[in-house]
Amino acid sequence: MPQLNPAPWFLILVITWLIFLTMIPPKVLSHHALNEPNVQSTDKTMTSPWNWPWQ
């Protein structure tokens, strides 16, 4: 039964993970968001107090 011999399968596993770890992350990290977030101003807006008519 060749399935029980781990030598070729372990080499395939190691090579596959090396390919995943060297090629995939740079491609994923090179993508940019389409809508970049805007920096909101730190100015506080003046809010009027809420007048409760029933109190």
C-alpha atoms as a PDB file:
ATOM      1  CA  MET A   1       0.000   0.000   0.000  1.00  0.00           C
ATOM      2  CA  PRO A   2       1.786   3.138  -1.159  1.00  0.00           C
ATOM      3  CA  GLN A   3      -0.531   5.386   0.871  1.00  0.00           C
ATOM      4  CA  LEU A   4       1.196   4.318   4.082  1.00  0.00           C
ATOM      5  CA  ASN A   5       4.603   5.503   2.909  1.00  0.00           C
ATOM      6  CA  PRO A   6       4.829   9.128   4.177  1.00  0.00           C
ATOM      7  CA  ALA A   7       7.978  10.072   2.274  1.00  0.00           C
ATOM      8  CA  PRO A   8       6.502  11.386  -1.028  1.00  0.00           C
ATOM      9  CA  TRP A   9       3.386  12.865   0.584  1.00  0.00           C
ATOM     10  CA  PHE A  10       5.326  14.769   3.207  1.00  0.00           C
ATOM     11  CA  LEU A  11       7.521  16.313   0.512  1.00  0.00           C
ATOM     12  CA  ILE A  12       4.428  17.330  -1.457  1.00  0.00           C
ATOM     13  CA  LEU A  13       2.920  18.836   1.692  1.00  0.00           C
ATOM     14  CA  VAL A  14       6.067  20.828   2.473  1.00  0.00           C
ATOM     15  CA  ILE A  15       6.450  22.131  -1.076  1.00  0.00           C
ATOM     16  CA  THR A  16       2.786  23.106  -1.236  1.00  0.00           C
ATOM     17  CA  TRP A  17       2.991  25.075   2.021  1.00  0.00           C
ATOM     18  CA  LEU A  18       6.183  26.787   0.875  1.00  0.00           C
ATOM     19  CA  ILE A  19       4.390  27.892  -2.276  1.00  0.00           C
ATOM     20  CA  PHE A  20       1.395  29.105  -0.251  1.00  0.00           C
ATOM     21  CA  LEU A  21       3.566  30.999   2.219  1.00  0.00           C
ATOM     22  CA  THR A  22       5.747  32.672  -0.404  1.00  0.00           C
ATOM     23  CA  MET A  23       3.325  33.514  -3.209  1.00  0.00           C
ATOM     24  CA  ILE A  24      -0.124  34.018  -1.704  1.00  0.00           C
ATOM     25  CA  PRO A  25       0.510  36.593   1.121  1.00  0.00           C
ATOM     26  CA  PRO A  26       2.120  39.260  -1.103  1.00  0.00           C
ATOM     27  CA  LYS A  27      -0.765  38.994  -3.551  1.00  0.00           C
ATOM     28  CA  VAL A  28      -3.356  39.306  -0.806  1.00  0.00           C
ATOM     29  CA  LEU A  29      -1.556  42.168   0.933  1.00  0.00           C
ATOM     30  CA  SER A  30      -1.179  44.134  -2.307  1.00  0.00           C
ATOM     31  CA  HIS A  31      -4.939  44.666  -2.598  1.00  0.00           C
ATOM     32  CA  HIS A  32      -6.314  48.019  -1.491  1.00  0.00           C
ATOM     33  CA  ALA A  33      -9.759  48.911  -0.319  1.00  0.00           C
ATOM     34  CA  LEU A  34     -11.869  50.674  -2.935  1.00  0.00           C
ATOM     35  CA  ASN A  35     -13.233  53.193  -0.465  1.00  0.00           C
ATOM     36  CA  GLU A  36     -10.433  54.466   1.712  1.00  0.00           C
ATOM     37  CA  PRO A  37     -11.702  55.720   5.079  1.00  0.00           C
ATOM     38  CA  ASN A  38     -11.721  59.478   5.562  1.00  0.00           C
ATOM     39  CA  VAL A  39     -10.214  61.055   8.623  1.00  0.00           C
ATOM     40  CA  GLN A  40     -12.957  62.699  10.601  1.00  0.00           C
ATOM     41  CA  SER A  41     -12.377  66.098  12.103  1.00  0.00           C
ATOM     42  CA  THR A  42     -11.890  66.384  15.836  1.00  0.00           C
ATOM     43  CA  ASP A  43     -14.090  69.489  16.117  1.00  0.00           C
ATOM     44  CA  LYS A  44     -17.043  68.974  18.416  1.00  0.00           C
ATOM     45  CA  THR A  45     -20.371  69.962  17.042  1.00  0.00           C
ATOM     46  CA  MET A  46     -22.656  72.114  19.129  1.00  0.00           C
ATOM     47  CA  THR A  47     -25.786  70.229  20.044  1.00  0.00           C
ATOM     48  CA  SER A  48     -28.856  71.829  21.467  1.00  0.00           C
ATOM     49  CA  PRO A  49     -30.447  70.264  24.543  1.00  0.00           C
ATOM     50  CA  TRP A  50     -33.557  68.272  23.980  1.00  0.00           C
ATOM     51  CA  ASN A  51     -36.549  69.996  25.503  1.00  0.00           C
ATOM     52  CA  TRP A  52     -38.926  67.373  26.784  1.00  0.00           C
ATOM     53  CA  PRO A  53     -42.413  68.889  26.424  1.00  0.00           C
ATOM     54  CA  TRP A  54     -44.082  66.582  28.965  1.00  0.00           C
ATOM     55  CA  GLN A  55     -41.819  67.437  31.899  1.00  0.00           C
END
